[in-house]
Amino acid sequence: MKQIEMVELVRQHHEHLGEKEIRKLLDRAFADFAAKTEIIESTFLTSTVANQRYYSLPDELIKITSVWFNDTLIPQLIGKPPIDDDTSETG
């Protein structure tokens, strides 16, 4: 179903809504569906900096499935690291 068809279908039941508002609601519903079903998968790349442990992540990021460094899969750590180090904690 094309977006214009979805707009017309919504308008049949909600005559008071404008096309722009309907399109925004459809976009929000699609984003919610994509997040819940994890249907969209993409790659996020960042450069690393020596002596930096924490990095900012984009707001669009929903879930991290794996982390790779120098072609090596990094094991998942649940919770806090077992020991602290003296690197600065930024971010």
N, C-alpha and C. Protein backbone atom coordinates (compact mmCIF):
# COMPACT_ATOMS: atom_id res chain seq x y z
N MET A 1 0.84 -1.16 0.00
CA MET A 1 0.00 0.00 0.00
C MET A 1 0.90 1.24 0.00
N LYS A 2 0.60 2.16 -0.89
CA LYS A 2 1.37 3.40 -0.99
C LYS A 2 0.92 4.37 0.09
N GLN A 3 1.79 5.34 0.37
CA GLN A 3 1.49 6.28 1.44
C GLN A 3 0.22 7.08 1.15
N ILE A 4 0.01 7.47 -0.07
CA ILE A 4 -1.20 8.24 -0.40
C ILE A 4 -2.45 7.41 -0.13
N GLU A 5 -2.37 6.09 -0.36
CA GLU A 5 -3.50 5.22 -0.06
C GLU A 5 -3.73 5.12 1.45
N MET A 6 -2.64 5.09 2.21
CA MET A 6 -2.78 5.05 3.66
C MET A 6 -3.38 6.36 4.18
N VAL A 7 -2.96 7.48 3.60
CA VAL A 7 -3.50 8.78 3.99
C VAL A 7 -5.00 8.81 3.73
N GLU A 8 -5.43 8.34 2.56
CA GLU A 8 -6.86 8.32 2.23
C GLU A 8 -7.63 7.40 3.17
N LEU A 9 -7.05 6.27 3.54
CA LEU A 9 -7.71 5.34 4.45
C LEU A 9 -7.89 5.97 5.84
N VAL A 10 -6.85 6.63 6.33
CA VAL A 10 -6.96 7.29 7.64
C VAL A 10 -7.99 8.42 7.57
N ARG A 11 -7.97 9.15 6.47
CA ARG A 11 -8.89 10.29 6.32
C ARG A 11 -10.36 9.82 6.33
N GLN A 12 -10.64 8.61 5.87
CA GLN A 12 -12.01 8.08 5.88
C GLN A 12 -12.54 8.00 7.32
N HIS A 13 -11.68 7.68 8.26
CA HIS A 13 -12.10 7.49 9.64
C HIS A 13 -11.82 8.71 10.53
N HIS A 14 -10.94 9.57 10.06
CA HIS A 14 -10.56 10.77 10.83
C HIS A 14 -10.55 11.97 9.90
N GLU A 15 -11.72 12.44 9.54
CA GLU A 15 -11.86 13.52 8.56
C GLU A 15 -11.21 14.82 9.03
N HIS A 16 -11.10 15.01 10.34
CA HIS A 16 -10.58 16.26 10.89
C HIS A 16 -9.06 16.38 10.76
N LEU A 17 -8.34 15.30 10.45
CA LEU A 17 -6.89 15.34 10.34
C LEU A 17 -6.46 15.82 8.96
N GLY A 18 -5.43 16.67 8.94
CA GLY A 18 -4.86 17.12 7.68
C GLY A 18 -3.86 16.12 7.14
N GLU A 19 -3.52 16.27 5.87
CA GLU A 19 -2.60 15.32 5.23
C GLU A 19 -1.22 15.34 5.87
N LYS A 20 -0.73 16.54 6.22
CA LYS A 20 0.60 16.64 6.83
C LYS A 20 0.62 15.92 8.18
N GLU A 21 -0.41 16.09 8.98
CA GLU A 21 -0.48 15.43 10.28
C GLU A 21 -0.58 13.91 10.13
N ILE A 22 -1.35 13.46 9.16
CA ILE A 22 -1.48 12.03 8.91
C ILE A 22 -0.14 11.44 8.49
N ARG A 23 0.58 12.14 7.61
CA ARG A 23 1.90 11.65 7.17
C ARG A 23 2.88 11.56 8.34
N LYS A 24 2.85 12.56 9.24
CA LYS A 24 3.72 12.52 10.42
C LYS A 24 3.37 11.33 11.31
N LEU A 25 2.07 11.08 11.50
CA LEU A 25 1.65 9.95 12.32
C LEU A 25 2.03 8.62 11.68
N LEU A 26 1.91 8.53 10.36
CA LEU A 26 2.31 7.31 9.66
C LEU A 26 3.82 7.09 9.78
N ASP A 27 4.59 8.15 9.66
CA ASP A 27 6.05 8.04 9.81
C ASP A 27 6.41 7.58 11.22
N ARG A 28 5.73 8.13 12.23
CA ARG A 28 5.98 7.73 13.61
C ARG A 28 5.62 6.26 13.82
N ALA A 29 4.50 5.83 13.23
CA ALA A 29 4.08 4.43 13.36
C ALA A 29 5.10 3.50 12.69
N PHE A 30 5.62 3.92 11.53
CA PHE A 30 6.63 3.11 10.85
C PHE A 30 7.89 3.01 11.70
N ALA A 31 8.34 4.13 12.27
CA ALA A 31 9.55 4.11 13.10
C ALA A 31 9.35 3.22 14.32
N ASP A 32 8.17 3.29 14.93
CA ASP A 32 7.87 2.45 16.09
C ASP A 32 7.86 0.97 15.69
N PHE A 33 7.24 0.66 14.56
CA PHE A 33 7.21 -0.73 14.06
C PHE A 33 8.62 -1.23 13.78
N ALA A 34 9.42 -0.38 13.12
CA ALA A 34 10.79 -0.78 12.78
C ALA A 34 11.62 -1.04 14.03
N ALA A 35 11.44 -0.21 15.06
CA ALA A 35 12.19 -0.38 16.30
C ALA A 35 11.78 -1.65 17.03
N LYS A 36 10.47 -1.91 17.10
CA LYS A 36 9.98 -3.08 17.83
C LYS A 36 10.32 -4.39 17.13
N THR A 37 10.30 -4.39 15.81
CA THR A 37 10.57 -5.62 15.06
C THR A 37 12.05 -5.77 14.70
N GLU A 38 12.83 -4.70 14.90
CA GLU A 38 14.24 -4.67 14.52
C GLU A 38 14.42 -5.02 13.05
N ILE A 39 13.49 -4.52 12.23
CA ILE A 39 13.50 -4.83 10.80
C ILE A 39 14.60 -4.09 10.05
N ILE A 40 15.02 -2.94 10.58
CA ILE A 40 16.06 -2.16 9.93
C ILE A 40 17.36 -2.36 10.69
N GLU A 41 18.39 -2.71 9.95
CA GLU A 41 19.70 -2.92 10.56
C GLU A 41 20.70 -2.08 9.79
N SER A 42 21.52 -1.34 10.50
CA SER A 42 22.54 -0.53 9.84
C SER A 42 23.83 -0.59 10.65
N THR A 43 24.86 0.05 10.11
CA THR A 43 26.16 0.04 10.74
C THR A 43 26.51 1.45 11.18
N PHE A 44 27.05 1.58 12.38
CA PHE A 44 27.53 2.86 12.90
C PHE A 44 29.03 2.74 13.08
N LEU A 45 29.76 3.64 12.47
CA LEU A 45 31.22 3.63 12.57
C LEU A 45 31.69 4.87 13.31
N THR A 46 32.71 4.72 14.12
CA THR A 46 33.31 5.87 14.80
C THR A 46 34.81 5.64 14.91
N SER A 47 35.54 6.71 15.02
CA SER A 47 36.99 6.60 15.22
C SER A 47 37.27 6.53 16.71
N THR A 48 38.26 5.74 17.06
CA THR A 48 38.63 5.62 18.47
C THR A 48 39.78 6.57 18.78
N VAL A 49 39.88 6.93 20.05
CA VAL A 49 40.91 7.85 20.52
C VAL A 49 41.66 7.17 21.66
N ALA A 50 42.96 7.28 21.66
CA ALA A 50 43.76 6.67 22.73
C ALA A 50 43.34 7.23 24.09
N ASN A 51 43.27 6.35 25.08
CA ASN A 51 42.93 6.70 26.46
C ASN A 51 41.52 7.27 26.62
N GLN A 52 40.62 6.91 25.74
CA GLN A 52 39.22 7.33 25.87
C GLN A 52 38.36 6.08 25.96
N ARG A 53 37.61 5.95 27.04
CA ARG A 53 36.77 4.77 27.25
C ARG A 53 35.35 4.99 26.74
N TYR A 54 34.78 6.16 26.96
CA TYR A 54 33.38 6.42 26.65
C TYR A 54 33.25 7.29 25.41
N TYR A 55 32.24 6.99 24.59
CA TYR A 55 31.99 7.72 23.36
C TYR A 55 30.51 8.07 23.28
N SER A 56 30.21 9.19 22.66
CA SER A 56 28.81 9.58 22.44
C SER A 56 28.24 8.73 21.31
N LEU A 57 26.96 8.41 21.42
CA LEU A 57 26.28 7.64 20.39
C LEU A 57 25.13 8.48 19.84
N PRO A 58 24.77 8.28 18.57
CA PRO A 58 23.67 9.06 18.00
C PRO A 58 22.33 8.70 18.65
N ASP A 59 21.44 9.67 18.74
CA ASP A 59 20.12 9.45 19.34
C ASP A 59 19.29 8.43 18.56
N GLU A 60 19.56 8.28 17.26
CA GLU A 60 18.80 7.35 16.43
C GLU A 60 19.13 5.88 16.73
N LEU A 61 20.23 5.67 17.42
CA LEU A 61 20.67 4.31 17.72
C LEU A 61 19.69 3.66 18.71
N ILE A 62 19.18 2.50 18.36
CA ILE A 62 18.18 1.82 19.20
C ILE A 62 18.81 0.67 19.97
N LYS A 63 19.62 -0.12 19.29
CA LYS A 63 20.18 -1.31 19.92
C LYS A 63 21.54 -1.62 19.31
N ILE A 64 22.48 -2.03 20.15
CA ILE A 64 23.80 -2.44 19.68
C ILE A 64 23.83 -3.96 19.71
N THR A 65 24.08 -4.57 18.56
CA THR A 65 24.10 -6.03 18.49
C THR A 65 25.51 -6.60 18.56
N SER A 66 26.50 -5.82 18.11
CA SER A 66 27.88 -6.28 18.20
C SER A 66 28.82 -5.10 18.10
N VAL A 67 30.02 -5.28 18.64
CA VAL A 67 31.07 -4.27 18.58
C VAL A 67 32.33 -4.93 18.05
N TRP A 68 32.91 -4.31 17.05
CA TRP A 68 34.13 -4.84 16.44
C TRP A 68 35.25 -3.81 16.58
N PHE A 69 36.46 -4.28 16.84
CA PHE A 69 37.64 -3.42 16.91
C PHE A 69 38.78 -4.15 16.22
N ASN A 70 39.35 -3.52 15.20
CA ASN A 70 40.43 -4.13 14.41
C ASN A 70 40.05 -5.54 13.95
N ASP A 71 38.88 -5.68 13.38
CA ASP A 71 38.38 -6.95 12.85
C ASP A 71 38.23 -8.04 13.92
N THR A 72 38.09 -7.64 15.18
CA THR A 72 37.90 -8.58 16.28
C THR A 72 36.58 -8.27 16.98
N LEU A 73 35.75 -9.28 17.15
CA LEU A 73 34.49 -9.12 17.87
C LEU A 73 34.78 -8.95 19.36
N ILE A 74 34.26 -7.87 19.92
CA ILE A 74 34.47 -7.58 21.34
C ILE A 74 33.36 -8.26 22.14
N PRO A 75 33.68 -9.04 23.17
CA PRO A 75 32.64 -9.70 23.97
C PRO A 75 31.78 -8.67 24.70
N GLN A 76 30.51 -9.00 24.88
CA GLN A 76 29.58 -8.10 25.54
C GLN A 76 29.83 -8.09 27.05
N LEU A 77 29.88 -6.90 27.61
CA LEU A 77 30.05 -6.74 29.05
C LEU A 77 28.73 -6.27 29.62
N ILE A 78 28.20 -6.99 30.58
CA ILE A 78 26.95 -6.61 31.22
C ILE A 78 27.30 -6.00 32.57
N GLY A 79 26.84 -4.79 32.80
CA GLY A 79 27.17 -4.11 34.05
C GLY A 79 28.41 -3.27 33.89
N LYS A 80 29.02 -2.95 35.01
CA LYS A 80 30.23 -2.11 35.00
C LYS A 80 31.47 -2.98 34.89
N PRO A 81 32.56 -2.40 34.39
CA PRO A 81 33.81 -3.17 34.31
C PRO A 81 34.24 -3.63 35.70
N PRO A 82 34.88 -4.80 35.82
CA PRO A 82 35.27 -5.32 37.13
C PRO A 82 36.34 -4.47 37.82
N ILE A 83 37.12 -3.71 37.05
CA ILE A 83 38.13 -2.83 37.65
C ILE A 83 38.05 -1.47 36.98
N ASP A 84 38.46 -0.44 37.70
CA ASP A 84 38.55 0.90 37.11
C ASP A 84 39.94 1.11 36.58
N ASP A 85 40.05 2.03 35.65
CA ASP A 85 41.37 2.42 35.19
C ASP A 85 41.50 3.93 35.34
N ASP A 86 42.63 4.46 34.97
CA ASP A 86 42.85 5.89 35.18
C ASP A 86 42.60 6.73 33.93
N THR A 87 41.88 6.18 32.94
CA THR A 87 41.57 6.98 31.76
C THR A 87 40.45 7.94 32.11
N SER A 88 40.46 9.07 31.43
CA SER A 88 39.43 10.07 31.71
C SER A 88 38.08 9.56 31.19
N GLU A 89 37.04 9.82 31.94
CA GLU A 89 35.70 9.40 31.55
C GLU A 89 34.96 10.59 31.02
N THR A 90 34.85 10.65 29.68
CA THR A 90 34.14 11.77 29.04
C THR A 90 32.93 11.21 28.33
N GLY A 91 31.95 12.07 28.12
CA GLY A 91 30.80 11.65 27.33
C GLY A 91 29.56 11.52 28.07
